[in-house]
PDB file of all heavy atoms in Angstrom:
ATOM      1  N   GLY A   1     137.661  97.776 133.428  1.00  0.00           N
ATOM      2  CA  GLY A   1     137.528  96.320 133.503  1.00  0.00           C
ATOM      3  C   GLY A   1     137.807  95.645 132.177  1.00  0.00           C
ATOM      4  O   GLY A   1     138.520  94.634 132.117  1.00  0.00           O
ATOM      5  N   ASP A   2     137.268  96.199 131.092  1.00  0.00           N
ATOM      6  CA  ASP A   2     137.497  95.609 129.770  1.00  0.00           C
ATOM      7  C   ASP A   2     138.946  95.760 129.332  1.00  0.00           C
ATOM      8  O   ASP A   2     139.529  94.852 128.733  1.00  0.00           O
ATOM      9  CB  ASP A   2     136.573  96.265 128.736  1.00  0.00           C
ATOM     10  CG  ASP A   2     135.114  95.910 128.976  1.00  0.00           C
ATOM     11  OD1 ASP A   2     134.873  94.954 129.734  1.00  0.00           O
ATOM     12  OD2 ASP A   2     134.235  96.592 128.417  1.00  0.00           O
ATOM     13  N   LEU A   3     139.543  96.921 129.619  1.00  0.00           N
ATOM     14  CA  LEU A   3     140.945  97.133 129.232  1.00  0.00           C
ATOM     15  C   LEU A   3     141.879  96.179 129.971  1.00  0.00           C
ATOM     16  O   LEU A   3     142.845  95.675 129.395  1.00  0.00           O
ATOM     17  CB  LEU A   3     141.350  98.588 129.504  1.00  0.00           C
ATOM     18  CG  LEU A   3     140.925  99.623 128.465  1.00  0.00           C
ATOM     19  CD1 LEU A   3     141.266 101.021 128.943  1.00  0.00           C
ATOM     20  CD2 LEU A   3     141.591  99.354 127.127  1.00  0.00           C
ATOM     21  N   ILE A   4     141.599  95.940 131.252  1.00  0.00           N
ATOM     22  CA  ILE A   4     142.440  95.008 132.020  1.00  0.00           C
ATOM     23  C   ILE A   4     142.312  93.598 131.450  1.00  0.00           C
ATOM     24  O   ILE A   4     143.319  92.884 131.309  1.00  0.00           O
ATOM     25  CB  ILE A   4     142.047  95.057 133.509  1.00  0.00           C
ATOM     26  CG1 ILE A   4     142.488  96.378 134.126  1.00  0.00           C
ATOM     27  CG2 ILE A   4     142.660  93.886 134.274  1.00  0.00           C
ATOM     28  CD1 ILE A   4     142.064  96.568 135.561  1.00  0.00           C
ATOM     29  N   GLN A   5     141.105  93.194 131.089  1.00  0.00           N
ATOM     30  CA  GLN A   5     140.919  91.873 130.492  1.00  0.00           C
ATOM     31  C   GLN A   5     141.678  91.765 129.172  1.00  0.00           C
ATOM     32  O   GLN A   5     142.341  90.754 128.905  1.00  0.00           O
ATOM     33  CB  GLN A   5     139.421  91.614 130.283  1.00  0.00           C
ATOM     34  CG  GLN A   5     139.094  90.229 129.755  1.00  0.00           C
ATOM     35  CD  GLN A   5     139.419  89.124 130.740  1.00  0.00           C
ATOM     36  OE1 GLN A   5     139.453  89.353 131.954  1.00  0.00           O
ATOM     37  NE2 GLN A   5     139.671  87.923 130.229  1.00  0.00           N
ATOM     38  N   GLU A   6     141.603  92.795 128.328  1.00  0.00           N
ATOM     39  CA  GLU A   6     142.343  92.788 127.064  1.00  0.00           C
ATOM     40  C   GLU A   6     143.849  92.718 127.306  1.00  0.00           C
ATOM     41  O   GLU A   6     144.569  91.996 126.597  1.00  0.00           O
ATOM     42  CB  GLU A   6     142.001  94.040 126.255  1.00  0.00           C
ATOM     43  CG  GLU A   6     140.581  94.103 125.749  1.00  0.00           C
ATOM     44  CD  GLU A   6     140.292  95.424 125.055  1.00  0.00           C
ATOM     45  OE1 GLU A   6     141.265  96.165 124.777  1.00  0.00           O
ATOM     46  OE2 GLU A   6     139.121  95.731 124.798  1.00  0.00           O
ATOM     47  N   THR A   7     144.328  93.467 128.292  1.00  0.00           N
ATOM     48  CA  THR A   7     145.773  93.489 128.574  1.00  0.00           C
ATOM     49  C   THR A   7     146.257  92.140 129.070  1.00  0.00           C
ATOM     50  O   THR A   7     147.311  91.652 128.643  1.00  0.00           O
ATOM     51  CB  THR A   7     146.083  94.584 129.615  1.00  0.00           C
ATOM     52  OG1 THR A   7     145.546  95.829 129.169  1.00  0.00           O
ATOM     53  CG2 THR A   7     147.585  94.726 129.804  1.00  0.00           C
ATOM     54  N   LEU A   8     145.499  91.506 129.966  1.00  0.00           N
ATOM     55  CA  LEU A   8     145.899  90.191 130.475  1.00  0.00           C
ATOM     56  C   LEU A   8     145.892  89.148 129.356  1.00  0.00           C
ATOM     57  O   LEU A   8     146.779  88.278 129.306  1.00  0.00           O
ATOM     58  CB  LEU A   8     144.968  89.767 131.609  1.00  0.00           C
ATOM     59  CG  LEU A   8     145.026  90.619 132.892  1.00  0.00           C
ATOM     60  CD1 LEU A   8     143.999  90.137 133.899  1.00  0.00           C
ATOM     61  CD2 LEU A   8     146.419  90.587 133.502  1.00  0.00           C
ATOM     62  N   GLU A   9     144.931  89.229 128.459  1.00  0.00           N
ATOM     63  CA  GLU A   9     144.904  88.289 127.333  1.00  0.00           C
ATOM     64  C   GLU A   9     146.098  88.520 126.403  1.00  0.00           C
ATOM     65  O   GLU A   9     146.674  87.557 125.884  1.00  0.00           O
ATOM     66  CB  GLU A   9     143.589  88.445 126.570  1.00  0.00           C
ATOM     67  CG  GLU A   9     142.375  87.936 127.340  1.00  0.00           C
ATOM     68  CD  GLU A   9     141.076  88.156 126.584  1.00  0.00           C
ATOM     69  OE1 GLU A   9     141.135  88.695 125.453  1.00  0.00           O
ATOM     70  OE2 GLU A   9     140.010  87.797 127.109  1.00  0.00           O
ATOM     71  N   ALA A  10     146.478  89.790 126.202  1.00  0.00           N
ATOM     72  CA  ALA A  10     147.664  90.068 125.387  1.00  0.00           C
ATOM     73  C   ALA A  10     148.929  89.539 126.066  1.00  0.00           C
ATOM     74  O   ALA A  10     149.820  88.996 125.397  1.00  0.00           O
ATOM     75  CB  ALA A  10     147.786  91.575 125.142  1.00  0.00           C
ATOM     76  N   PHE A  11     149.009  89.694 127.400  1.00  0.00           N
ATOM     77  CA  PHE A  11     150.155  89.141 128.132  1.00  0.00           C
ATOM     78  C   PHE A  11     150.234  87.627 127.945  1.00  0.00           C
ATOM     79  O   PHE A  11     151.333  87.071 127.780  1.00  0.00           O
ATOM     80  CB  PHE A  11     150.037  89.471 129.620  1.00  0.00           C
ATOM     81  CG  PHE A  11     150.442  90.874 129.975  1.00  0.00           C
ATOM     82  CD1 PHE A  11     150.262  91.365 131.256  1.00  0.00           C
ATOM     83  CD2 PHE A  11     150.991  91.713 129.030  1.00  0.00           C
ATOM     84  CE1 PHE A  11     150.634  92.654 131.594  1.00  0.00           C
ATOM     85  CE2 PHE A  11     151.372  93.012 129.350  1.00  0.00           C
ATOM     86  CZ  PHE A  11     151.182  93.483 130.636  1.00  0.00           C
ATOM     87  N   GLU A  12     149.083  86.964 127.988  1.00  0.00           N
ATOM     88  CA  GLU A  12     149.095  85.505 127.865  1.00  0.00           C
ATOM     89  C   GLU A  12     149.485  85.071 126.446  1.00  0.00           C
ATOM     90  O   GLU A  12     150.226  84.096 126.271  1.00  0.00           O
ATOM     91  CB  GLU A  12     147.729  84.939 128.238  1.00  0.00           C
ATOM     92  CG  GLU A  12     147.698  83.411 128.218  1.00  0.00           C
ATOM     93  CD  GLU A  12     146.323  82.850 128.495  1.00  0.00           C
ATOM     94  OE1 GLU A  12     145.382  83.645 128.683  1.00  0.00           O
ATOM     95  OE2 GLU A  12     146.182  81.615 128.511  1.00  0.00           O
ATOM     96  N   ARG A  13     148.976  85.778 125.441  1.00  0.00           N
ATOM     97  CA  ARG A  13     149.252  85.381 124.058  1.00  0.00           C
ATOM     98  C   ARG A  13     150.726  85.536 123.703  1.00  0.00           C
ATOM     99  O   ARG A  13     151.298  84.696 122.999  1.00  0.00           O
ATOM    100  CB  ARG A  13     148.407  86.231 123.102  1.00  0.00           C
ATOM    101  CG  ARG A  13     146.943  85.837 123.057  1.00  0.00           C
ATOM    102  CD  ARG A  13     146.239  86.489 121.874  1.00  0.00           C
ATOM    103  NE  ARG A  13     144.825  86.157 121.850  1.00  0.00           N
ATOM    104  CZ  ARG A  13     143.868  86.925 122.364  1.00  0.00           C
ATOM    105  NH1 ARG A  13     144.190  88.078 122.943  1.00  0.00           N
ATOM    106  NH2 ARG A  13     142.606  86.556 122.302  1.00  0.00           N
ATOM    107  N   TYR A  14     151.338  86.619 124.174  1.00  0.00           N
ATOM    108  CA  TYR A  14     152.710  86.922 123.768  1.00  0.00           C
ATOM    109  C   TYR A  14     153.734  86.632 124.863  1.00  0.00           C
ATOM    110  O   TYR A  14     154.916  86.925 124.689  1.00  0.00           O
ATOM    111  CB  TYR A  14     152.820  88.404 123.362  1.00  0.00           C
ATOM    112  CG  TYR A  14     151.978  88.752 122.158  1.00  0.00           C
ATOM    113  CD1 TYR A  14     150.696  89.278 122.310  1.00  0.00           C
ATOM    114  CD2 TYR A  14     152.459  88.547 120.874  1.00  0.00           C
ATOM    115  CE1 TYR A  14     149.917  89.594 121.210  1.00  0.00           C
ATOM    116  CE2 TYR A  14     151.686  88.869 119.758  1.00  0.00           C
ATOM    117  CZ  TYR A  14     150.426  89.385 119.936  1.00  0.00           C
ATOM    118  OH  TYR A  14     149.646  89.697 118.835  1.00  0.00           O
ATOM    119  N   GLY A  15     153.291  86.071 125.993  1.00  0.00           N
ATOM    120  CA  GLY A  15     154.213  85.854 127.107  1.00  0.00           C
ATOM    121  C   GLY A  15     154.830  84.477 127.163  1.00  0.00           C
ATOM    122  O   GLY A  15     155.583  84.177 128.090  1.00  0.00           O
ATOM    123  N   GLY A  16     154.499  83.612 126.210  1.00  0.00           N
ATOM    124  CA  GLY A  16     155.089  82.275 126.228  1.00  0.00           C
ATOM    125  C   GLY A  16     154.308  81.315 127.109  1.00  0.00           C
ATOM    126  O   GLY A  16     153.214  81.614 127.603  1.00  0.00           O
ATOM    127  N   GLU A  17     154.908  80.149 127.324  1.00  0.00           N
ATOM    128  CA  GLU A  17     154.205  79.077 128.041  1.00  0.00           C
ATOM    129  C   GLU A  17     154.077  79.331 129.536  1.00  0.00           C
ATOM    130  O   GLU A  17     153.200  78.758 130.192  1.00  0.00           O
ATOM    131  CB  GLU A  17     154.931  77.757 127.813  1.00  0.00           C
ATOM    132  CG  GLU A  17     156.396  77.781 128.227  1.00  0.00           C
ATOM    133  CD  GLU A  17     157.110  76.477 127.916  1.00  0.00           C
ATOM    134  OE1 GLU A  17     156.520  75.633 127.228  1.00  0.00           O
ATOM    135  OE2 GLU A  17     158.265  76.331 128.366  1.00  0.00           O
ATOM    136  N   ASP A  18     154.938  80.181 130.105  1.00  0.00           N
ATOM    137  CA  ASP A  18     154.867  80.451 131.543  1.00  0.00           C
ATOM    138  C   ASP A  18     153.988  81.645 131.880  1.00  0.00           C
ATOM    139  O   ASP A  18     153.858  82.002 133.058  1.00  0.00           O
ATOM    140  CB  ASP A  18     156.274  80.705 132.098  1.00  0.00           C
ATOM    141  CG  ASP A  18     157.164  79.477 131.999  1.00  0.00           C
ATOM    142  OD1 ASP A  18     156.609  78.359 132.055  1.00  0.00           O
ATOM    143  OD2 ASP A  18     158.383  79.637 131.853  1.00  0.00           O
ATOM    144  N   ALA A  19     153.400  82.269 130.880  1.00  0.00           N
ATOM    145  CA  ALA A  19     152.661  83.505 131.142  1.00  0.00           C
ATOM    146  C   ALA A  19     151.392  83.237 131.946  1.00  0.00           C
ATOM    147  O   ALA A  19     151.120  83.927 132.934  1.00  0.00           O
ATOM    148  CB  ALA A  19     152.314  84.195 129.825  1.00  0.00           C
ATOM    149  N   PHE A  20     150.620  82.219 131.553  1.00  0.00           N
ATOM    150  CA  PHE A  20     149.320  82.020 132.189  1.00  0.00           C
ATOM    151  C   PHE A  20     149.453  81.698 133.677  1.00  0.00           C
ATOM    152  O   PHE A  20     148.737  82.256 134.514  1.00  0.00           O
ATOM    153  CB  PHE A  20     148.547  80.905 131.491  1.00  0.00           C
ATOM    154  CG  PHE A  20     147.293  80.510 132.221  1.00  0.00           C
ATOM    155  CD1 PHE A  20     146.226  81.396 132.313  1.00  0.00           C
ATOM    156  CD2 PHE A  20     147.176  79.271 132.839  1.00  0.00           C
ATOM    157  CE1 PHE A  20     145.065  81.045 132.996  1.00  0.00           C
ATOM    158  CE2 PHE A  20     146.016  78.921 133.512  1.00  0.00           C
ATOM    159  CZ  PHE A  20     144.972  79.807 133.594  1.00  0.00           C
ATOM    160  N   ILE A  21     150.377  80.833 134.031  1.00  0.00           N
ATOM    161  CA  ILE A  21     150.492  80.432 135.437  1.00  0.00           C
ATOM    162  C   ILE A  21     150.943  81.605 136.305  1.00  0.00           C
ATOM    163  O   ILE A  21     150.542  81.739 137.463  1.00  0.00           O
ATOM    164  CB  ILE A  21     151.445  79.220 135.570  1.00  0.00           C
ATOM    165  CG1 ILE A  21     151.349  78.641 136.984  1.00  0.00           C
ATOM    166  CG2 ILE A  21     152.875  79.614 135.234  1.00  0.00           C
ATOM    167  CD1 ILE A  21     152.079  77.326 137.141  1.00  0.00           C
ATOM    168  N   ASN A  22     151.753  82.494 135.715  1.00  0.00           N
ATOM    169  CA  ASN A  22     152.185  83.676 136.469  1.00  0.00           C
ATOM    170  C   ASN A  22     151.061  84.705 136.584  1.00  0.00           C
ATOM    171  O   ASN A  22     150.937  85.381 137.618  1.00  0.00           O
ATOM    172  CB  ASN A  22     153.410  84.305 135.799  1.00  0.00           C
ATOM    173  CG  ASN A  22     154.688  83.523 136.067  1.00  0.00           C
ATOM    174  OD1 ASN A  22     155.321  83.676 137.101  1.00  0.00           O
ATOM    175  ND2 ASN A  22     155.062  82.671 135.135  1.00  0.00           N
ATOM    176  N   ILE A  23     150.260  84.838 135.527  1.00  0.00           N
ATOM    177  CA  ILE A  23     149.110  85.746 135.607  1.00  0.00           C
ATOM    178  C   ILE A  23     148.105  85.214 136.628  1.00  0.00           C
ATOM    179  O   ILE A  23     147.564  85.967 137.446  1.00  0.00           O
ATOM    180  CB  ILE A  23     148.451  85.905 134.222  1.00  0.00           C
ATOM    181  CG1 ILE A  23     149.404  86.591 133.254  1.00  0.00           C
ATOM    182  CG2 ILE A  23     147.155  86.696 134.332  1.00  0.00           C
ATOM    183  CD1 ILE A  23     148.891  86.648 131.832  1.00  0.00           C
ATOM    184  N   LYS A  24     147.855  83.902 136.597  1.00  0.00           N
ATOM    185  CA  LYS A  24     146.892  83.291 137.513  1.00  0.00           C
ATOM    186  C   LYS A  24     147.337  83.437 138.971  1.00  0.00           C
ATOM    187  O   LYS A  24     146.503  83.551 139.874  1.00  0.00           O
ATOM    188  CB  LYS A  24     146.747  81.812 137.159  1.00  0.00           C
ATOM    189  CG  LYS A  24     145.626  81.090 137.870  1.00  0.00           C
ATOM    190  CD  LYS A  24     144.264  81.489 137.339  1.00  0.00           C
ATOM    191  CE  LYS A  24     143.169  80.628 137.940  1.00  0.00           C
ATOM    192  NZ  LYS A  24     141.833  81.068 137.504  1.00  0.00           N
ATOM    193  N   TYR A  25     148.630  83.446 139.202  1.00  0.00           N
ATOM    194  CA  TYR A  25     149.147  83.593 140.567  1.00  0.00           C
ATOM    195  C   TYR A  25     148.839  84.981 141.121  1.00  0.00           C
ATOM    196  O   TYR A  25     148.511  85.128 142.305  1.00  0.00           O
ATOM    197  CB  TYR A  25     150.651  83.348 140.567  1.00  0.00           C
ATOM    198  CG  TYR A  25     151.284  83.423 141.930  1.00  0.00           C
ATOM    199  CD1 TYR A  25     151.168  82.372 142.834  1.00  0.00           C
ATOM    200  CD2 TYR A  25     151.999  84.549 142.323  1.00  0.00           C
ATOM    201  CE1 TYR A  25     151.749  82.437 144.091  1.00  0.00           C
ATOM    202  CE2 TYR A  25     152.580  84.629 143.582  1.00  0.00           C
ATOM    203  CZ  TYR A  25     152.456  83.573 144.454  1.00  0.00           C
ATOM    204  OH  TYR A  25     153.022  83.653 145.694  1.00  0.00           O
ATOM    205  N   MET A  26     148.916  86.011 140.261  1.00  0.00           N
ATOM    206  CA  MET A  26     148.690  87.383 140.713  1.00  0.00           C
ATOM    207  C   MET A  26     147.231  87.817 140.554  1.00  0.00           C
ATOM    208  O   MET A  26     146.757  88.674 141.308  1.00  0.00           O
ATOM    209  CB  MET A  26     149.594  88.350 139.931  1.00  0.00           C
ATOM    210  CG  MET A  26     151.079  88.091 140.097  1.00  0.00           C
ATOM    211  SD  MET A  26     151.610  88.071 141.810  1.00  0.00           S
ATOM    212  CE  MET A  26     151.162  89.704 142.330  1.00  0.00           C
ATOM    213  N   VAL A  27     146.522  87.260 139.576  1.00  0.00           N
ATOM    214  CA  VAL A  27     145.109  87.598 139.350  1.00  0.00           C
ATOM    215  C   VAL A  27     144.322  86.289 139.363  1.00  0.00           C
ATOM    216  O   VAL A  27     144.099  85.672 138.321  1.00  0.00           O
ATOM    217  CB  VAL A  27     144.913  88.340 138.011  1.00  0.00           C
ATOM    218  CG1 VAL A  27     143.477  88.838 137.886  1.00  0.00           C
ATOM    219  CG2 VAL A  27     145.890  89.500 137.885  1.00  0.00           C
ATOM    220  N   PRO A  28     143.901  85.813 140.524  1.00  0.00           N
ATOM    221  CA  PRO A  28     143.288  84.471 140.619  1.00  0.00           C
ATOM    222  C   PRO A  28     142.002  84.311 139.819  1.00  0.00           C
ATOM    223  O   PRO A  28     141.646  83.190 139.453  1.00  0.00           O
ATOM    224  CB  PRO A  28     143.020  84.314 142.126  1.00  0.00           C
ATOM    225  CG  PRO A  28     143.938  85.284 142.789  1.00  0.00           C
ATOM    226  CD  PRO A  28     144.067  86.429 141.849  1.00  0.00           C
TER     227      PRO A  28
END
């Protein structure tokens, strides 16, 4: 659980402006 949270936060930080909305679509 903690590793997944860290990975999603890393995706958001380095994924640009469209990262969060795409993460939110797959992980509500």
